[in-house]
Amino acid sequence: MTSFELLAAYLCDRILGDPPGLPHPVRGMGKVIAFADRFLRPKAPHPRLERLGGIALAVGLPVAVYFLSDLAI
């Protein structure tokens, strides 16, 4: 990506913004994180298990998004 393309993309995003009716991927990832937090935290009575769940979420979510976006293309 050239610097001109990057600047054009930035300006388009600033001018047009995100359409309010369309879902945004980052909001979807936030919902997954909130759900996983509510699900994993009660199952982890020990701080080490809680940390392991956090690590699994921190690694698993980007990997899942990568593979899902690869399938969409």
Protein backbone atom coordinates (compact mmCIF):
# COMPACT_ATOMS: atom_id res chain seq x y z
CA MET A 1 0.00 0.00 0.00
CA THR A 2 1.44 3.35 -0.98
CA SER A 3 1.36 6.40 1.24
CA PHE A 4 -1.19 7.98 -1.12
CA GLU A 5 -3.53 4.98 -0.78
CA LEU A 6 -3.14 5.05 2.98
CA LEU A 7 -3.94 8.75 3.11
CA ALA A 8 -6.94 8.31 0.77
CA ALA A 9 -8.28 5.45 2.90
CA TYR A 10 -7.86 7.50 6.06
CA LEU A 11 -9.65 10.50 4.56
CA CYS A 12 -12.51 8.34 3.26
CA ASP A 13 -12.93 6.83 6.70
CA ARG A 14 -12.93 10.23 8.37
CA ILE A 15 -15.42 11.68 5.87
CA LEU A 16 -17.77 8.71 5.42
CA GLY A 17 -17.33 6.90 8.72
CA ASP A 18 -18.91 3.53 9.42
CA PRO A 19 -22.50 2.97 8.31
CA PRO A 20 -24.64 2.71 11.45
CA GLY A 21 -26.74 -0.17 10.12
CA LEU A 22 -23.83 -2.50 9.30
CA PRO A 23 -22.12 -4.63 11.93
CA HIS A 24 -18.46 -3.86 12.57
CA PRO A 25 -15.96 -6.71 13.05
CA VAL A 26 -14.40 -5.09 16.10
CA ARG A 27 -17.78 -4.88 17.82
CA GLY A 28 -18.29 -8.58 17.05
CA MET A 29 -14.93 -9.44 18.60
CA GLY A 30 -15.88 -7.39 21.67
CA LYS A 31 -19.07 -9.40 22.04
CA VAL A 32 -17.09 -12.64 21.79
CA ILE A 33 -14.68 -11.39 24.46
CA ALA A 34 -17.54 -10.37 26.77
CA PHE A 35 -19.24 -13.75 26.30
CA ALA A 36 -16.00 -15.66 26.91
CA ASP A 37 -15.31 -13.58 30.00
CA ARG A 38 -18.72 -14.42 31.46
CA PHE A 39 -18.24 -18.09 30.54
CA LEU A 40 -14.59 -18.65 31.50
CA ARG A 41 -14.23 -16.57 34.66
CA PRO A 42 -16.64 -18.63 36.84
CA LYS A 43 -14.93 -21.83 35.72
CA ALA A 44 -11.50 -20.59 36.82
CA PRO A 45 -11.38 -20.51 40.63
CA HIS A 46 -7.59 -20.24 40.64
CA PRO A 47 -5.74 -17.19 39.23
CA ARG A 48 -3.51 -19.43 37.09
CA LEU A 49 -6.53 -21.01 35.44
CA GLU A 50 -7.99 -17.57 34.86
CA ARG A 51 -4.74 -16.48 33.22
CA LEU A 52 -4.72 -19.62 31.07
CA GLY A 53 -8.25 -18.83 29.90
CA GLY A 54 -7.19 -15.27 29.07
CA ILE A 55 -4.21 -16.53 27.10
CA ALA A 56 -6.40 -18.99 25.21
CA LEU A 57 -8.81 -16.18 24.36
CA ALA A 58 -6.00 -13.78 23.38
CA VAL A 59 -4.53 -16.37 21.01
CA GLY A 60 -7.71 -18.10 19.89
CA LEU A 61 -9.75 -15.07 18.86
CA PRO A 62 -7.22 -13.61 16.40
CA VAL A 63 -6.57 -17.08 14.96
CA ALA A 64 -10.31 -17.66 14.51
CA VAL A 65 -10.77 -14.23 12.89
CA TYR A 66 -7.85 -14.94 10.56
CA PHE A 67 -9.29 -18.26 9.39
CA LEU A 68 -12.84 -16.92 9.09
CA SER A 69 -11.67 -13.97 7.01
CA ASP A 70 -9.56 -16.30 4.88
CA LEU A 71 -12.65 -18.42 4.20
CA ALA A 72 -14.67 -15.33 3.27
CA ILE A 73 -12.30 -14.35 0.49
